[in-house]
Amino acid sequence: MTSAPIRITVGELVARFLEECGVRAAFGVISIHNMPILDAFHTRGKLRFVSSRGEAGACNMADAYARVSGTLGVFVTSTGTGSGNAAGAMVEAITAGTPLLHLTGQIESPFLDRDLGFIHEHPAQLAMLRAVGKDAFRIRNPETALATLREAVRIAQTPPCGPVSIEIPIDVQKMLMDLPADLSPVAVPPVQPQPSAIDALAERLLTAKRPLLWLGGGARGAAKAAKRLADMGFAVISSVQGRGIVAEDHPLSLGSYNLQKPTENFYQTVDAMLAVGTRLRSNETLGYHLKLPATRFRIDANALADNRGYTSELFVHGDAQLALDALADRLEGRMAIDPKFATDVKQTRGEATTLVNGTLGPYVRLQDAIGKVAGRNIWWVRDITLSNSMWGNRAPVLDHPRAGVHALGGGIGQGLAMGVGAAVADTEFKLGRKTLSLCGDGGFMLNVGELACAAQEKADVLFIVMNDKRYGVIKNIQDDIYGSRHAYVELHTPDFSQFCASLQVPHLKSSDPSTVEATLAEALGKTGPVVLEIDMDAWGPFAAKFAGPPKKEPTQKGD
């Protein structure tokens, strides 16, 4: 006699499937249009659900969680305006190539797509979500639920990765179905590079005496292979998204000092550059006019990356780790590196660092204090703020391919929530690193409600809030272009000490650069969320003004 099949709701199917995907935490806001899913999370008790204060924050948290853990990020929203609130954060996720699954609701099926003005309906929700993600689906019945979940996760995790949304009408979430025998997700195999293409690339690189490896975020899984090449004598430079793939204290690392004049001069001495998993983005190439080495090659899992931004003489379509490992196998013991190359790399790194540090004024003390007191065992999360543009994108030294988390798409206000997501990932995966989140006062206030989430979750984050009571970069742009007409940049900010006290979050304030090291050490000595406010009016100005991403006019078409 066979036992009767186990009956579950579609909402419980979602929970069970995510567990099979290895998801340990999800983020979101509970509503009447996602309660069957979240009730299953709660009753099963196998997934940690972090109650954000807004859908944008939930998406940013899931984004950072995925970046730090290297796994699928998940966030849950309500329908209509609830899902719409996450749109900007989804743009960040698709810009960064983060694999996310967005679960949202929809009104009851009988009333869908009938233009009835039914409360909470967003008649074009799928179109909106497709515009800000890789794709979006609707589960229409229990029979197709598992197939839709599997396909959404497959697409999200297929390079170039990104967020994929599923809307599930509330009546469908409640429907009963038989528990499937197999809930496993579809495997996403890495893109296998063609051996002939690796052979051709190896032959070209064997003649190089001063080779350079440029690593982007798409090479995060290739740390071991990249280090093999660095140990052979390749110089290494990274995009901001690729920091730490090769530890930035490696003797052949230029860190992410990728557009400073000493580095540009160095490029002209390089006889072969291999770009891996990078888009060579505008703000890191002076609007695509940075003079890169004349001989360029490229490896990318996205076939459409070939010749984007900059041309390359040879393109290898494949997974970064597989391609670089295969390349290293062919080059091992056969390279004839210029004996002066390592010295030139060190000199270039030193000159670029000195150049950047010379623009910081008193803030070099904060930069150095973080490196000294916090050390290297950190997740370095940054919002779009003046201090990040000036120094946070290059310092402190990172030694882990996932240690750097930042608002790649240029939107402010995301660093606070990202800090929470990074800390949750660290806890759930027992990674043993401290999360530091560098924020400006303007961005911090944009999503300040997520500080309450951080407190509730006891997220172990130190928020370093650079408080100049204004949008500092915008003010500098107004000085540079608009005749110092300062419009709409001054901000009314709270007394952060009182605000933090109301949330029972410790607050420290630094008004003197000479004591910041001790203040930082005190802040790092506390667990849970802590706010360290840097009083920039008391500290004084930077030594140079940053007025947006540096650009230069082309000297030659195609430079």
Protein backbone atom coordinates (compact mmCIF):
# COMPACT_ATOMS: atom_id res chain seq x y z
CA MET A 1 0.00 0.00 0.00
CA THR A 2 1.51 3.30 -1.08
CA SER A 3 1.27 6.30 1.20
CA ALA A 4 -0.76 9.30 0.14
CA PRO A 5 1.27 12.10 -1.45
CA ILE A 6 2.27 15.00 0.76
CA ARG A 7 0.24 18.08 -0.08
CA ILE A 8 1.84 21.51 0.17
CA THR A 9 0.97 25.02 -0.94
CA VAL A 10 2.79 26.79 -3.75
CA GLY A 11 4.14 29.10 -1.06
CA GLU A 12 5.72 26.13 0.70
CA LEU A 13 7.08 24.87 -2.61
CA VAL A 14 8.96 28.16 -2.94
CA ALA A 15 10.45 27.73 0.54
CA ARG A 16 11.49 24.13 -0.06
CA PHE A 17 13.01 24.95 -3.45
CA LEU A 18 15.11 27.79 -2.03
CA GLU A 19 16.40 25.44 0.65
CA GLU A 20 17.50 23.03 -2.11
CA CYS A 21 19.28 25.96 -3.79
CA GLY A 22 21.41 26.44 -0.66
CA VAL A 23 19.80 29.74 0.29
CA ARG A 24 20.29 30.47 3.99
CA ALA A 25 18.75 33.93 4.27
CA ALA A 26 16.22 36.01 2.37
CA PHE A 27 15.24 39.65 2.74
CA GLY A 28 12.01 41.54 2.29
CA VAL A 29 8.86 43.17 3.60
CA ILE A 30 5.87 41.06 4.60
CA SER A 31 2.53 41.95 3.02
CA ILE A 32 -0.85 40.42 2.31
CA HIS A 33 0.43 39.49 -1.14
CA ASN A 34 3.37 37.34 -0.02
CA MET A 35 2.16 35.88 3.29
CA PRO A 36 1.79 32.27 2.04
CA ILE A 37 5.47 32.29 1.06
CA LEU A 38 6.69 33.93 4.26
CA ASP A 39 4.41 31.75 6.41
CA ALA A 40 6.20 28.75 4.89
CA PHE A 41 9.57 30.33 5.67
CA HIS A 42 8.44 30.76 9.26
CA THR A 43 6.84 27.37 9.84
CA ARG A 44 9.69 25.43 8.24
CA GLY A 45 12.29 27.47 10.12
CA LYS A 46 15.17 26.67 7.76
CA LEU A 47 15.60 30.09 6.14
CA ARG A 48 16.47 33.26 7.99
CA PHE A 49 14.15 36.05 6.89
CA VAL A 50 15.45 39.58 7.42
CA SER A 51 12.65 42.13 7.67
CA SER A 52 13.93 45.19 5.86
CA ARG A 53 12.13 48.51 6.21
CA GLY A 54 11.71 48.93 2.47
CA GLU A 55 11.86 46.89 -0.69
CA ALA A 56 14.83 48.82 -2.07
CA GLY A 57 16.76 47.96 1.07
CA ALA A 58 15.74 44.30 0.79
CA CYS A 59 17.13 44.10 -2.74
CA ASN A 60 20.38 45.83 -1.75
CA MET A 61 20.75 43.45 1.20
CA ALA A 62 20.20 40.40 -0.99
CA ASP A 63 22.65 41.84 -3.52
CA ALA A 64 25.44 42.23 -0.95
CA TYR A 65 24.62 38.85 0.59
CA ALA A 66 25.07 37.23 -2.83
CA ARG A 67 28.30 39.11 -3.59
CA VAL A 68 29.91 38.14 -0.28
CA SER A 69 28.69 34.54 -0.16
CA GLY A 70 29.02 33.76 -3.86
CA THR A 71 25.53 32.23 -3.81
CA LEU A 72 22.02 33.16 -4.94
CA GLY A 73 20.47 36.19 -3.26
CA VAL A 74 16.72 36.26 -2.60
CA PHE A 75 14.34 39.06 -1.73
CA VAL A 76 10.56 39.16 -1.36
CA THR A 77 8.27 42.12 -1.99
CA SER A 78 4.60 42.94 -2.20
CA THR A 79 2.89 43.59 -5.50
CA GLY A 80 2.50 46.89 -7.35
CA THR A 81 4.18 49.76 -5.56
CA GLY A 82 6.00 47.31 -3.32
CA SER A 83 7.78 45.67 -6.23
CA GLY A 84 8.26 49.08 -7.85
CA ASN A 85 10.14 50.31 -4.79
CA ALA A 86 12.87 47.78 -5.55
CA ALA A 87 13.43 48.88 -9.15
CA GLY A 88 16.44 51.13 -8.53
CA ALA A 89 18.15 48.51 -6.39
CA MET A 90 17.56 45.94 -9.14
CA VAL A 91 19.30 48.25 -11.61
CA GLU A 92 22.30 48.15 -9.25
CA ALA A 93 22.18 44.35 -9.16
CA ILE A 94 22.07 43.95 -12.93
CA THR A 95 24.88 46.49 -13.30
CA ALA A 96 26.99 44.48 -10.86
CA GLY A 97 26.02 41.12 -12.38
CA THR A 98 24.60 39.77 -9.12
CA PRO A 99 22.48 36.58 -9.26
CA LEU A 100 19.20 37.45 -7.51
CA LEU A 101 15.74 35.92 -7.33
CA HIS A 102 12.97 38.45 -6.70
CA LEU A 103 9.67 36.97 -5.48
CA THR A 104 6.66 39.25 -5.62
CA GLY A 105 2.91 38.89 -5.43
CA GLN A 106 0.05 39.75 -7.69
CA ILE A 107 -3.70 40.14 -7.24
CA GLU A 108 -6.09 37.22 -7.54
CA SER A 109 -5.94 35.46 -10.89
CA PRO A 110 -9.60 35.96 -11.91
CA PHE A 111 -9.14 39.73 -11.86
CA LEU A 112 -5.73 39.93 -13.50
CA ASP A 113 -5.22 41.76 -16.82
CA ARG A 114 -8.84 42.91 -17.05
CA ASP A 115 -8.33 46.65 -16.43
CA LEU A 116 -10.77 46.62 -13.54
CA GLY A 117 -8.78 48.96 -11.34
CA PHE A 118 -8.55 46.14 -8.79
CA ILE A 119 -6.80 47.36 -5.64
CA HIS A 120 -3.07 46.62 -5.51
CA GLU A 121 -2.85 45.54 -9.15
CA HIS A 122 0.05 46.74 -11.25
CA PRO A 123 -1.18 45.94 -14.77
CA ALA A 124 2.32 46.15 -16.31
CA GLN A 125 4.33 44.73 -13.43
CA LEU A 126 6.11 42.09 -15.52
CA ALA A 127 7.12 44.66 -18.13
CA MET A 128 8.50 46.93 -15.40
CA LEU A 129 10.47 44.09 -13.83
CA ARG A 130 11.86 42.94 -17.17
CA ALA A 131 13.11 46.48 -17.75
CA VAL A 132 15.22 46.45 -14.56
CA GLY A 133 16.30 42.80 -14.55
CA LYS A 134 17.29 39.92 -16.80
CA ASP A 135 13.76 38.53 -17.05
CA ALA A 136 10.44 38.21 -15.24
CA PHE A 137 7.85 35.42 -15.08
CA ARG A 138 4.37 34.74 -13.72
CA ILE A 139 3.41 31.47 -12.05
CA ARG A 140 -0.14 30.83 -13.23
CA ASN A 141 -0.85 27.48 -11.56
CA PRO A 142 0.73 24.87 -9.26
CA GLU A 143 1.58 22.59 -12.18
CA THR A 144 4.11 25.04 -13.67
CA ALA A 145 5.45 26.50 -10.41
CA LEU A 146 8.57 24.37 -10.02
CA ALA A 147 9.56 24.67 -13.67
CA THR A 148 9.26 28.45 -13.46
CA LEU A 149 11.32 28.62 -10.27
CA ARG A 150 14.04 26.46 -11.81
CA GLU A 151 14.21 28.51 -14.98
CA ALA A 152 14.32 31.82 -13.11
CA VAL A 153 17.23 30.68 -10.95
CA ARG A 154 19.04 29.23 -13.97
CA ILE A 155 18.81 32.54 -15.81
CA ALA A 156 19.86 34.53 -12.74
CA GLN A 157 22.98 32.39 -12.33
CA THR A 158 23.94 32.24 -16.01
CA PRO A 159 26.65 34.77 -16.92
CA PRO A 160 26.21 37.64 -17.20
CA CYS A 161 24.27 37.12 -13.97
CA GLY A 162 21.51 39.39 -12.76
CA PRO A 163 18.13 39.66 -11.01
CA VAL A 164 15.16 37.65 -12.22
CA SER A 165 11.63 38.25 -10.91
CA ILE A 166 8.69 35.91 -10.41
CA GLU A 167 5.21 37.22 -9.65
CA ILE A 168 2.77 34.79 -8.06
CA PRO A 169 -0.90 35.76 -7.71
CA ILE A 170 -2.00 35.48 -4.11
CA ASP A 171 -4.59 32.78 -4.85
CA VAL A 172 -1.92 30.69 -6.62
CA GLN A 173 0.41 31.01 -3.61
CA LYS A 174 -2.31 29.36 -1.48
CA MET A 175 -3.14 26.53 -3.90
CA LEU A 176 -2.33 22.96 -2.91
CA MET A 177 -0.17 20.58 -4.91
CA ASP A 178 1.65 17.29 -4.47
CA LEU A 179 5.18 17.62 -3.10
CA PRO A 180 7.53 16.91 -6.04
CA ALA A 181 9.99 14.07 -5.57
CA ASP A 182 12.87 16.20 -6.84
CA LEU A 183 13.24 19.88 -5.94
CA SER A 184 16.81 20.38 -7.09
CA PRO A 185 17.68 23.44 -9.17
CA VAL A 186 19.03 23.20 -12.71
CA ALA A 187 22.83 23.09 -12.74
CA VAL A 188 24.52 25.98 -14.55
CA PRO A 189 27.76 24.61 -16.00
CA PRO A 190 30.62 27.05 -16.57
CA VAL A 191 31.31 28.14 -20.12
CA GLN A 192 34.05 25.86 -21.43
CA PRO A 193 36.75 27.73 -23.39
CA GLN A 194 37.83 26.21 -26.66
CA PRO A 195 41.29 24.58 -26.28
CA SER A 196 42.32 25.98 -29.68
CA ALA A 197 41.53 29.50 -28.49
CA ILE A 198 43.61 28.98 -25.33
CA ASP A 199 46.44 27.59 -27.46
CA ALA A 200 46.37 30.68 -29.67
CA LEU A 201 46.31 33.02 -26.67
CA ALA A 202 49.19 31.17 -25.01
CA GLU A 203 51.30 31.44 -28.14
CA ARG A 204 50.73 35.19 -28.28
CA LEU A 205 51.53 35.67 -24.60
CA LEU A 206 54.71 33.58 -24.73
CA THR A 207 56.38 36.40 -26.62
CA ALA A 208 55.43 38.99 -23.96
CA LYS A 209 58.12 40.16 -21.59
CA ARG A 210 55.96 42.72 -19.77
CA PRO A 211 52.45 41.19 -19.55
CA LEU A 212 49.55 42.73 -17.64
CA LEU A 213 46.41 41.05 -16.30
CA TRP A 214 43.35 43.34 -15.83
CA LEU A 215 40.74 41.61 -13.63
CA GLY A 216 37.09 42.58 -13.34
CA GLY A 217 34.17 41.31 -11.28
CA GLY A 218 33.60 38.47 -13.72
CA ALA A 219 36.93 36.97 -12.60
CA ARG A 220 36.00 36.70 -8.92
CA GLY A 221 35.89 32.93 -9.19
CA ALA A 222 39.34 32.80 -10.74
CA ALA A 223 41.50 33.86 -7.79
CA LYS A 224 43.71 30.76 -7.77
CA ALA A 225 44.35 30.82 -11.50
CA ALA A 226 44.99 34.57 -11.52
CA LYS A 227 47.54 34.18 -8.74
CA ARG A 228 49.32 31.51 -10.78
CA LEU A 229 49.84 34.05 -13.55
CA ALA A 230 50.90 36.76 -11.08
CA ASP A 231 53.45 34.37 -9.60
CA MET A 232 54.79 33.78 -13.13
CA GLY A 233 55.49 37.49 -13.47
CA PHE A 234 52.27 39.02 -14.83
CA ALA A 235 51.49 42.43 -13.39
CA VAL A 236 47.94 42.62 -12.06
CA ILE A 237 45.53 45.51 -12.04
CA SER A 238 41.82 45.41 -11.30
CA SER A 239 38.63 47.26 -11.86
CA VAL A 240 36.97 48.40 -8.64
CA GLN A 241 34.66 45.38 -8.89
CA GLY A 242 37.62 43.04 -9.25
CA ARG A 243 39.55 44.14 -6.16
CA GLY A 244 41.18 41.43 -4.08
CA ILE A 245 41.01 38.67 -6.69
CA VAL A 246 44.78 38.74 -6.41
CA ALA A 247 45.66 40.09 -2.99
CA GLU A 248 46.49 43.77 -3.32
CA ASP A 249 49.71 43.34 -1.35
CA HIS A 250 51.10 40.93 -3.97
CA PRO A 251 54.42 42.39 -5.20
CA LEU A 252 53.10 42.54 -8.78
CA SER A 253 49.75 44.09 -7.92
CA LEU A 254 48.86 47.64 -8.94
CA GLY A 255 45.64 47.36 -6.96
CA SER A 256 42.83 49.36 -8.54
CA TYR A 257 45.03 52.36 -9.33
CA ASN A 258 43.97 51.81 -12.92
CA LEU A 259 43.57 55.35 -14.33
CA GLN A 260 46.13 57.51 -12.56
CA LYS A 261 48.74 59.15 -14.81
CA PRO A 262 51.68 57.05 -13.54
CA THR A 263 49.65 53.93 -14.39
CA GLU A 264 48.73 55.22 -17.83
CA ASN A 265 52.41 55.86 -18.49
CA PHE A 266 53.20 52.35 -17.29
CA TYR A 267 50.66 50.90 -19.75
CA GLN A 268 52.78 52.19 -22.60
CA THR A 269 55.62 49.90 -21.48
CA VAL A 270 53.37 46.81 -21.38
CA ASP A 271 53.61 44.57 -24.41
CA ALA A 272 50.46 42.48 -23.79
CA MET A 273 47.35 43.10 -21.71
CA LEU A 274 44.84 40.37 -20.92
CA ALA A 275 41.46 41.69 -19.69
CA VAL A 276 39.36 39.08 -17.86
CA GLY A 277 35.74 39.44 -16.79
CA THR A 278 35.72 43.22 -17.10
CA ARG A 279 33.76 45.74 -19.13
CA LEU A 280 36.54 48.33 -18.85
CA ARG A 281 33.87 50.76 -17.73
CA SER A 282 33.78 54.47 -18.60
CA ASN A 283 34.55 55.82 -15.13
CA GLU A 284 37.64 53.59 -14.90
CA THR A 285 38.97 54.36 -18.38
CA LEU A 286 38.51 58.15 -18.62
CA GLY A 287 35.42 57.71 -20.75
CA TYR A 288 37.12 54.98 -22.84
CA HIS A 289 40.03 57.28 -23.69
CA LEU A 290 42.55 55.92 -21.20
CA LYS A 291 45.62 54.85 -23.19
CA LEU A 292 45.77 51.13 -22.57
CA PRO A 293 48.54 48.85 -23.88
CA ALA A 294 48.43 48.59 -27.66
CA THR A 295 48.29 44.78 -27.66
CA ARG A 296 45.13 43.60 -25.92
CA PHE A 297 43.46 40.22 -25.41
CA ARG A 298 40.24 39.35 -23.62
CA ILE A 299 38.54 36.49 -21.77
CA ASP A 300 34.85 36.66 -20.85
CA ALA A 301 31.92 34.32 -20.19
CA ASN A 302 29.72 36.78 -22.08
CA ALA A 303 30.25 36.28 -25.80
CA LEU A 304 29.01 39.82 -26.47
CA ALA A 305 31.93 41.33 -24.55
CA ASP A 306 34.21 40.92 -27.56
CA ASN A 307 35.45 44.35 -28.72
CA ARG A 308 33.15 46.30 -26.41
CA GLY A 309 34.63 49.58 -25.20
CA TYR A 310 38.10 48.61 -26.43
CA THR A 311 39.08 46.33 -29.26
CA SER A 312 41.13 43.20 -28.67
CA GLU A 313 43.31 41.14 -30.97
CA LEU A 314 42.01 37.84 -29.65
CA PHE A 315 38.89 36.97 -27.66
CA VAL A 316 38.36 33.78 -25.65
CA HIS A 317 34.79 32.94 -24.72
CA GLY A 318 34.84 31.03 -21.47
CA ASP A 319 34.71 30.87 -17.71
CA ALA A 320 37.51 32.91 -16.15
CA GLN A 321 38.81 30.19 -13.84
CA LEU A 322 38.79 27.49 -16.51
CA ALA A 323 40.38 29.74 -19.12
CA LEU A 324 43.09 31.16 -16.86
CA ASP A 325 43.94 27.75 -15.42
CA ALA A 326 44.27 26.30 -18.90
CA LEU A 327 46.37 29.29 -19.94
CA ALA A 328 48.62 28.97 -16.89
CA ASP A 329 49.14 25.27 -17.70
CA ARG A 330 50.44 26.25 -21.13
CA LEU A 331 52.64 29.10 -19.88
CA GLU A 332 54.11 27.53 -16.75
CA GLY A 333 57.90 27.69 -16.86
CA ARG A 334 57.98 29.16 -20.36
CA MET A 335 57.68 32.93 -19.78
CA ALA A 336 60.70 35.21 -20.20
CA ILE A 337 59.74 38.21 -18.07
CA ASP A 338 61.76 41.42 -18.19
CA PRO A 339 63.86 41.39 -14.98
CA LYS A 340 63.07 45.08 -14.44
CA PHE A 341 59.32 44.57 -14.71
CA ALA A 342 58.60 43.89 -11.03
CA THR A 343 60.58 46.98 -10.01
CA ASP A 344 58.63 49.09 -12.49
CA VAL A 345 55.34 47.76 -11.11
CA LYS A 346 56.36 48.66 -7.57
CA GLN A 347 57.47 52.13 -8.61
CA THR A 348 54.24 52.76 -10.53
CA ARG A 349 52.11 51.60 -7.61
CA GLY A 350 54.05 53.88 -5.28
CA GLU A 351 53.71 56.90 -7.56
CA ALA A 352 50.00 56.35 -8.09
CA THR A 353 49.42 55.90 -4.36
CA THR A 354 51.37 59.06 -3.55
CA LEU A 355 49.40 60.97 -6.16
CA VAL A 356 46.05 59.87 -4.73
CA ASN A 357 47.09 60.35 -1.11
CA GLY A 358 48.20 63.86 -1.95
CA THR A 359 44.59 64.77 -2.75
CA LEU A 360 43.19 63.59 0.58
CA GLY A 361 44.45 66.16 3.05
CA PRO A 362 43.55 65.09 6.60
CA TYR A 363 41.48 62.14 5.36
CA VAL A 364 44.61 60.13 4.64
CA ARG A 365 44.60 59.54 8.39
CA LEU A 366 41.22 57.81 8.21
CA GLN A 367 42.27 55.75 5.21
CA ASP A 368 45.45 54.63 6.97
CA ALA A 369 43.68 54.02 10.29
CA ILE A 370 41.23 51.61 8.66
CA GLY A 371 44.07 49.64 7.13
CA LYS A 372 46.00 49.59 10.40
CA VAL A 373 43.23 49.04 12.95
CA ALA A 374 40.65 47.03 10.99
CA GLY A 375 43.28 45.04 9.13
CA ARG A 376 42.56 42.95 6.06
CA ASN A 377 39.93 40.58 7.49
CA ILE A 378 37.01 42.79 6.45
CA TRP A 379 34.13 43.19 4.04
CA TRP A 380 34.65 46.68 2.63
CA VAL A 381 31.21 48.03 1.70
CA ARG A 382 30.86 51.49 0.19
CA ASP A 383 28.11 53.82 -0.87
CA ILE A 384 28.50 56.43 -3.59
CA THR A 385 30.03 59.23 -1.57
CA LEU A 386 32.86 61.70 -1.98
CA SER A 387 35.18 59.73 0.31
CA ASN A 388 34.67 56.53 -1.61
CA SER A 389 35.47 58.23 -4.91
CA MET A 390 38.55 59.89 -3.42
CA TRP A 391 40.04 56.88 -1.66
CA GLY A 392 37.60 54.09 -0.74
CA ASN A 393 37.70 52.55 -4.21
CA ARG A 394 41.45 52.01 -3.85
CA ALA A 395 42.14 51.63 -0.13
CA PRO A 396 42.42 49.86 2.25
CA VAL A 397 44.27 46.84 0.86
CA LEU A 398 41.91 43.93 0.09
CA ASP A 399 42.99 40.30 -0.01
CA HIS A 400 39.77 38.42 -0.84
CA PRO A 401 37.96 38.33 -4.21
CA ARG A 402 34.62 39.15 -2.56
CA ALA A 403 35.86 41.60 0.05
CA GLY A 404 34.81 44.69 -1.91
CA VAL A 405 31.10 45.54 -2.12
CA HIS A 406 30.06 48.89 -3.52
CA ALA A 407 27.31 50.70 -5.39
CA LEU A 408 28.69 49.98 -8.85
CA GLY A 409 25.81 51.64 -10.68
CA GLY A 410 26.39 55.02 -9.08
CA GLY A 411 23.19 55.31 -7.03
CA ILE A 412 23.46 56.77 -3.53
CA GLY A 413 21.87 55.42 -0.39
CA GLN A 414 22.60 51.74 -0.98
CA GLY A 415 25.62 51.26 1.28
CA LEU A 416 23.67 51.08 4.53
CA ALA A 417 21.50 48.18 3.36
CA MET A 418 24.44 46.50 1.62
CA GLY A 419 26.30 46.54 4.91
CA VAL A 420 23.45 44.63 6.52
CA GLY A 421 23.38 42.06 3.72
CA ALA A 422 27.14 41.54 3.88
CA ALA A 423 27.02 41.04 7.65
CA VAL A 424 24.14 38.54 7.36
CA ALA A 425 26.09 36.55 4.75
CA ASP A 426 29.14 36.54 7.02
CA THR A 427 27.06 35.17 9.89
CA GLU A 428 25.13 32.57 7.90
CA PHE A 429 28.22 31.20 6.15
CA LYS A 430 30.53 31.63 9.17
CA LEU A 431 33.07 33.59 7.13
CA GLY A 432 34.68 35.37 10.09
CA ARG A 433 35.12 38.88 8.67
CA LYS A 434 34.02 42.25 10.01
CA THR A 435 31.77 44.41 7.84
CA LEU A 436 32.63 48.11 7.41
CA SER A 437 30.26 50.31 5.45
CA LEU A 438 31.45 53.73 4.24
CA CYS A 439 28.50 56.11 3.73
CA GLY A 440 27.88 59.79 3.12
CA ASP A 441 25.34 61.60 5.29
CA GLY A 442 23.05 62.20 2.30
CA GLY A 443 23.02 58.58 1.20
CA PHE A 444 22.71 57.35 4.77
CA MET A 445 19.55 59.37 5.28
CA LEU A 446 18.00 58.14 2.03
CA ASN A 447 17.50 54.63 3.46
CA VAL A 448 18.06 55.41 7.13
CA GLY A 449 15.19 53.15 8.17
CA GLU A 450 17.44 50.17 7.46
CA LEU A 451 19.50 51.12 10.51
CA ALA A 452 16.49 49.91 12.51
CA CYS A 453 16.68 46.65 10.56
CA ALA A 454 20.40 46.40 11.39
CA ALA A 455 19.60 46.89 15.07
CA GLN A 456 16.81 44.31 15.04
CA GLU A 457 19.01 41.76 13.27
CA LYS A 458 22.06 42.58 15.42
CA ALA A 459 24.02 42.89 12.18
CA ASP A 460 27.72 43.23 12.97
CA VAL A 461 28.45 46.35 10.90
CA LEU A 462 30.48 49.46 11.53
CA PHE A 463 28.88 52.30 9.56
CA ILE A 464 31.42 55.08 8.90
CA VAL A 465 29.27 58.11 8.11
CA MET A 466 31.13 60.94 6.40
CA ASN A 467 29.04 63.93 7.48
CA ASP A 468 29.59 67.18 5.57
CA LYS A 469 25.87 68.11 5.67
CA ARG A 470 25.67 68.29 1.89
CA TYR A 471 26.02 66.42 -1.38
CA GLY A 472 29.76 67.01 -1.57
CA VAL A 473 30.43 65.75 -5.10
CA ILE A 474 27.52 67.75 -6.52
CA LYS A 475 28.75 70.90 -4.80
CA ASN A 476 32.19 70.38 -6.34
CA ILE A 477 30.63 69.96 -9.77
CA GLN A 478 28.75 73.22 -9.25
CA ASP A 479 32.06 74.89 -8.40
CA ASP A 480 33.68 73.37 -11.47
CA ILE A 481 30.99 73.95 -14.09
CA TYR A 482 28.23 76.19 -12.75
CA GLY A 483 30.12 79.19 -11.45
CA SER A 484 29.83 78.06 -7.81
CA ARG A 485 26.03 78.44 -7.89
CA HIS A 486 25.25 76.11 -5.01
CA ALA A 487 21.67 74.98 -5.49
CA TYR A 488 19.90 72.16 -3.62
CA VAL A 489 23.02 70.58 -2.15
CA GLU A 490 22.87 71.67 1.48
CA LEU A 491 21.24 69.05 3.71
CA HIS A 492 19.54 69.17 7.08
CA THR A 493 20.91 66.15 8.94
CA PRO A 494 19.88 64.82 12.34
CA ASP A 495 21.88 64.75 15.52
CA PHE A 496 23.19 61.28 14.83
CA SER A 497 24.01 60.64 18.47
CA GLN A 498 20.38 61.18 19.49
CA PHE A 499 19.06 59.29 16.49
CA CYS A 500 21.29 56.29 17.21
CA ALA A 501 20.37 56.38 20.88
CA SER A 502 16.70 56.09 19.96
CA LEU A 503 17.54 52.84 18.15
CA GLN A 504 19.95 51.64 20.86
CA VAL A 505 22.78 51.70 18.32
CA PRO A 506 26.17 52.84 19.69
CA HIS A 507 27.40 56.12 18.20
CA LEU A 508 30.90 57.59 18.21
CA LYS A 509 32.03 60.85 16.66
CA SER A 510 35.41 61.92 15.35
CA SER A 511 36.09 65.66 15.20
CA ASP A 512 39.89 65.44 15.30
CA PRO A 513 41.97 63.56 12.71
CA SER A 514 44.76 63.02 15.23
CA THR A 515 42.54 60.83 17.42
CA VAL A 516 40.70 58.89 14.71
CA GLU A 517 42.79 55.77 15.14
CA ALA A 518 41.78 55.42 18.79
CA THR A 519 38.14 56.25 18.02
CA LEU A 520 38.07 53.69 15.22
CA ALA A 521 39.58 51.05 17.49
CA GLU A 522 36.88 51.75 20.09
CA ALA A 523 34.16 51.43 17.45
CA LEU A 524 35.56 48.18 16.11
CA GLY A 525 35.66 46.79 19.62
CA LYS A 526 31.87 46.74 19.76
CA THR A 527 29.61 44.10 18.21
CA GLY A 528 26.37 44.65 16.37
CA PRO A 529 25.63 47.82 14.42
CA VAL A 530 27.76 50.84 15.34
CA VAL A 531 27.83 54.31 13.77
CA LEU A 532 31.11 56.22 13.60
CA GLU A 533 30.40 59.77 12.46
CA ILE A 534 33.24 61.72 10.85
CA ASP A 535 32.57 65.44 11.35
CA MET A 536 33.93 66.71 8.03
CA ASP A 537 33.34 70.36 8.91
CA ALA A 538 35.71 69.89 11.87
CA TRP A 539 38.19 67.82 9.87
CA GLY A 540 38.38 70.31 7.03
CA PRO A 541 38.42 69.93 3.24
CA PHE A 542 40.19 67.47 1.01
CA ALA A 543 43.39 68.78 -0.54
CA ALA A 544 41.82 68.48 -4.01
CA LYS A 545 38.27 68.65 -5.29
CA PHE A 546 36.58 65.63 -6.86
CA ALA A 547 33.97 66.75 -9.39
CA GLY A 548 32.74 63.52 -10.90
CA PRO A 549 34.47 60.68 -12.77
CA PRO A 550 37.62 61.93 -14.50
CA LYS A 551 37.48 62.21 -18.28
CA LYS A 552 39.75 63.38 -21.05
CA GLU A 553 39.31 64.25 -24.67
CA PRO A 554 40.36 61.60 -27.19
CA THR A 555 43.66 62.16 -28.89
CA GLN A 556 42.92 59.65 -31.61
CA LYS A 557 39.82 57.81 -32.73
CA GLY A 558 39.68 54.43 -31.06
CA ASP A 559 42.11 55.29 -28.22
